[in-house]
Amino acid sequence: MTQQQDNYYILFREWSLDPNQWAMLMDGTAVILTLVGFIIAFSLYKVQRKDRATDAHRFFKASLQGLKSSIQHAIADLRQFKESLDLDKVVDPVLSVSLNDKFLDKVNLVALNRFYAENDKASLDHFNLLLVDSNFFGDYRDYITNQIKYFRTVYLEREETKSGNMLRMKEKIRKVLDNDISRFEDILANIELLLLENPGK
């Protein structure tokens, strides 16, 4: 003696299914809904990631203008200091504190790198070069201030005692300044390229 299985249907009798079939249908629907959920979540993640990259790039470009101005002033100050070495009165360079602002620490560098990798590959090398250069200009103000302070102290001591070769000492600091000015000019040229709108396109 066999027991007849119950059939269930929604709306139409022709769509009737037994409990096993309904269980399979529900399991299949759950799997499909899970996959759809993953697809939607992944799409939202990609949109958010793209938005973060765009925001990081926008902040970066706005900050670059300030950095460019600071470096231009630094070059002018260093040249003035170098010229003053030939005069009796040495003029200390007044370097902008923006050189030590370390604005790159405030940028989401992962998102920014993603922006260049996906949207502006031509500028990616320039961006990476700026990251390397930031180690130079980020600490430069403190570095050169200490160097000049040392130079001024030794200079005054030797002037008082009339000892030592001041010409050799001035020539040494001129070479340092020439190298630093040249490095700043290279950084400035790189920043100019980064400020262009998608130069690779």
Protein backbone atom coordinates (compact mmCIF):
# COMPACT_ATOMS: atom_id res chain seq x y z
CA MET A 1 0.00 0.00 0.00
CA THR A 2 1.48 3.33 -1.05
CA GLN A 3 0.67 6.73 0.19
CA GLN A 4 0.06 9.35 -2.46
CA GLN A 5 2.31 12.42 -2.16
CA ASP A 6 0.61 15.75 -1.69
CA ASN A 7 1.06 18.29 -4.43
CA TYR A 8 1.12 22.04 -3.86
CA TYR A 9 0.70 24.83 -6.37
CA ILE A 10 0.71 28.61 -6.63
CA LEU A 11 -1.91 30.34 -8.78
CA PHE A 12 -2.33 27.49 -11.29
CA ARG A 13 -2.87 23.77 -10.72
CA GLU A 14 -0.63 23.01 -13.70
CA TRP A 15 2.30 24.43 -11.67
CA SER A 16 1.81 21.99 -8.83
CA LEU A 17 4.93 20.40 -7.31
CA ASP A 18 5.48 17.81 -4.67
CA PRO A 19 7.40 18.73 -1.46
CA ASN A 20 10.72 17.47 -2.84
CA GLN A 21 10.36 19.53 -5.97
CA TRP A 22 9.42 22.59 -3.91
CA ALA A 23 12.50 22.08 -1.72
CA MET A 24 14.72 21.89 -4.80
CA LEU A 25 13.09 25.00 -6.23
CA MET A 26 13.55 26.92 -2.98
CA ASP A 27 17.20 25.82 -2.69
CA GLY A 28 17.85 26.84 -6.28
CA THR A 29 16.17 30.20 -5.74
CA ALA A 30 18.27 30.78 -2.61
CA VAL A 31 21.47 30.04 -4.54
CA ILE A 32 20.45 32.40 -7.35
CA LEU A 33 19.54 35.17 -4.88
CA THR A 34 22.89 34.68 -3.11
CA LEU A 35 24.76 35.00 -6.42
CA VAL A 36 22.74 38.08 -7.36
CA GLY A 37 23.55 39.55 -3.93
CA PHE A 38 27.27 38.93 -4.46
CA ILE A 39 27.12 40.53 -7.90
CA ILE A 40 25.34 43.62 -6.53
CA ALA A 41 27.74 43.87 -3.57
CA PHE A 42 30.77 43.55 -5.89
CA SER A 43 29.34 46.20 -8.24
CA LEU A 44 28.79 48.58 -5.33
CA TYR A 45 32.33 47.88 -4.08
CA LYS A 46 33.78 48.71 -7.50
CA VAL A 47 31.77 51.95 -7.67
CA GLN A 48 32.90 52.95 -4.15
CA ARG A 49 36.50 52.08 -4.96
CA LYS A 50 36.36 54.17 -8.12
CA ASP A 51 34.83 57.08 -6.17
CA ARG A 52 37.58 56.87 -3.53
CA ALA A 53 40.24 56.87 -6.25
CA THR A 54 38.66 59.90 -7.92
CA ASP A 55 38.39 61.78 -4.61
CA ALA A 56 42.03 60.97 -3.76
CA HIS A 57 43.13 62.24 -7.17
CA ARG A 58 41.10 65.44 -6.82
CA PHE A 59 42.67 66.19 -3.42
CA PHE A 60 46.12 65.29 -4.75
CA LYS A 61 45.85 67.65 -7.74
CA ALA A 62 44.62 70.50 -5.51
CA SER A 63 47.52 69.92 -3.10
CA LEU A 64 50.05 69.82 -5.93
CA GLN A 65 49.40 73.50 -6.70
CA GLY A 66 50.51 74.45 -3.18
CA LEU A 67 53.55 72.20 -3.38
CA LYS A 68 54.50 73.66 -6.75
CA SER A 69 54.37 77.18 -5.33
CA SER A 70 56.44 76.16 -2.28
CA ILE A 71 59.14 74.61 -4.47
CA GLN A 72 59.26 77.66 -6.74
CA HIS A 73 59.82 79.85 -3.67
CA ALA A 74 62.42 77.40 -2.33
CA ILE A 75 64.39 77.61 -5.59
CA ALA A 76 64.27 81.42 -5.50
CA ASP A 77 65.34 81.49 -1.82
CA LEU A 78 68.23 79.09 -2.39
CA ARG A 79 69.47 81.11 -5.37
CA GLN A 80 69.31 84.31 -3.32
CA PHE A 81 71.23 82.63 -0.51
CA LYS A 82 73.84 81.36 -2.97
CA GLU A 83 74.31 84.87 -4.42
CA SER A 84 74.60 86.35 -0.93
CA LEU A 85 77.63 84.12 -0.25
CA ASP A 86 79.63 86.54 -2.40
CA LEU A 87 78.49 89.49 -0.30
CA ASP A 88 79.50 90.53 3.17
CA LYS A 89 75.98 89.97 4.44
CA VAL A 90 74.67 86.40 4.08
CA VAL A 91 70.87 86.19 3.65
CA ASP A 92 69.21 83.14 5.19
CA PRO A 93 66.71 81.44 2.88
CA VAL A 94 63.13 81.60 4.14
CA LEU A 95 61.80 78.23 3.00
CA SER A 96 58.06 77.57 3.07
CA VAL A 97 56.78 75.28 5.81
CA SER A 98 54.67 73.62 3.10
CA LEU A 99 57.77 71.68 2.08
CA ASN A 100 57.47 69.84 5.39
CA ASP A 101 53.69 69.56 5.19
CA LYS A 102 53.91 65.90 4.13
CA PHE A 103 50.57 66.21 2.34
CA LEU A 104 51.12 62.77 0.78
CA ASP A 105 50.51 61.31 4.24
CA LYS A 106 47.00 62.73 4.03
CA VAL A 107 46.26 61.10 0.67
CA ASN A 108 44.96 57.56 0.24
CA LEU A 109 47.99 56.45 -1.76
CA VAL A 110 46.49 53.03 -2.61
CA ALA A 111 43.40 54.68 -4.11
CA LEU A 112 45.55 57.30 -5.85
CA ASN A 113 47.82 54.64 -7.35
CA ARG A 114 44.71 52.78 -8.53
CA PHE A 115 43.44 55.95 -10.20
CA TYR A 116 46.65 56.38 -12.19
CA ALA A 117 46.87 52.67 -13.02
CA GLU A 118 43.29 52.59 -14.34
CA ASN A 119 42.73 56.09 -15.72
CA ASP A 120 46.07 57.72 -16.50
CA LYS A 121 48.80 55.14 -17.06
CA ALA A 122 50.97 57.76 -18.80
CA SER A 123 51.30 59.65 -15.50
CA LEU A 124 51.87 56.63 -13.25
CA ASP A 125 55.67 56.83 -13.52
CA HIS A 126 55.57 60.55 -12.73
CA PHE A 127 53.41 59.85 -9.68
CA ASN A 128 55.80 57.14 -8.45
CA LEU A 129 58.75 59.49 -9.00
CA LEU A 130 57.05 62.14 -6.86
CA LEU A 131 56.67 59.58 -4.06
CA VAL A 132 60.43 59.03 -4.16
CA ASP A 133 61.11 62.78 -4.35
CA SER A 134 58.87 63.41 -1.34
CA ASN A 135 61.57 61.86 0.84
CA PHE A 136 63.84 64.69 -0.34
CA PHE A 137 61.59 67.74 -0.13
CA GLY A 138 59.58 66.48 2.86
CA ASP A 139 62.57 66.87 5.19
CA TYR A 140 64.52 69.45 3.20
CA ARG A 141 63.54 72.53 5.19
CA ASP A 142 64.81 71.05 8.47
CA TYR A 143 67.91 69.67 6.75
CA ILE A 144 69.00 72.88 5.02
CA THR A 145 68.16 75.03 8.07
CA ASN A 146 70.55 72.92 10.15
CA GLN A 147 73.22 73.06 7.44
CA ILE A 148 72.98 76.84 7.18
CA LYS A 149 73.04 77.20 10.95
CA TYR A 150 76.22 75.11 11.03
CA PHE A 151 77.73 77.12 8.17
CA ARG A 152 76.90 80.44 9.86
CA THR A 153 78.37 79.30 13.19
CA VAL A 154 81.62 78.14 11.59
CA TYR A 155 81.71 81.21 9.35
CA LEU A 156 81.45 83.60 12.30
CA GLU A 157 84.05 81.67 14.28
CA ARG A 158 86.52 81.75 11.43
CA GLU A 159 85.86 85.41 10.73
CA GLU A 160 86.64 86.25 14.34
CA THR A 161 89.84 84.21 14.38
CA LYS A 162 90.71 84.97 10.73
CA SER A 163 91.61 81.30 10.35
CA GLY A 164 90.65 78.70 7.78
CA ASN A 165 89.94 78.89 4.10
CA MET A 166 86.56 80.62 3.77
CA LEU A 167 86.67 80.47 -0.01
CA ARG A 168 86.84 76.68 0.10
CA MET A 169 83.99 76.53 2.59
CA LYS A 170 81.80 78.83 0.48
CA GLU A 171 82.55 76.79 -2.63
CA LYS A 172 81.52 73.62 -0.84
CA ILE A 173 78.15 75.05 0.18
CA ARG A 174 77.65 76.47 -3.33
CA LYS A 175 77.97 72.95 -4.75
CA VAL A 176 75.43 71.66 -2.26
CA LEU A 177 73.04 74.46 -3.21
CA ASP A 178 73.55 73.86 -6.94
CA ASN A 179 72.70 70.18 -6.51
CA ASP A 180 69.66 70.97 -4.38
CA ILE A 181 68.38 73.63 -6.80
CA SER A 182 68.81 71.20 -9.70
CA ARG A 183 66.89 68.50 -7.80
CA PHE A 184 64.08 70.95 -7.02
CA GLU A 185 63.90 71.98 -10.68
CA ASP A 186 63.53 68.33 -11.70
CA ILE A 187 60.78 67.85 -9.10
CA LEU A 188 59.04 70.99 -10.36
CA ALA A 189 59.14 69.71 -13.95
CA ASN A 190 57.63 66.41 -12.80
CA ILE A 191 54.86 68.23 -10.91
CA GLU A 192 54.07 70.25 -14.04
CA LEU A 193 53.51 66.98 -15.91
CA LEU A 194 51.27 65.64 -13.14
CA LEU A 195 49.18 68.82 -13.25
CA LEU A 196 48.43 68.31 -16.93
CA GLU A 197 45.04 66.75 -17.70
CA ASN A 198 45.69 63.17 -18.82
CA PRO A 199 48.80 63.91 -20.91
CA GLY A 200 48.91 60.35 -22.18
CA LYS A 201 45.53 60.53 -23.87
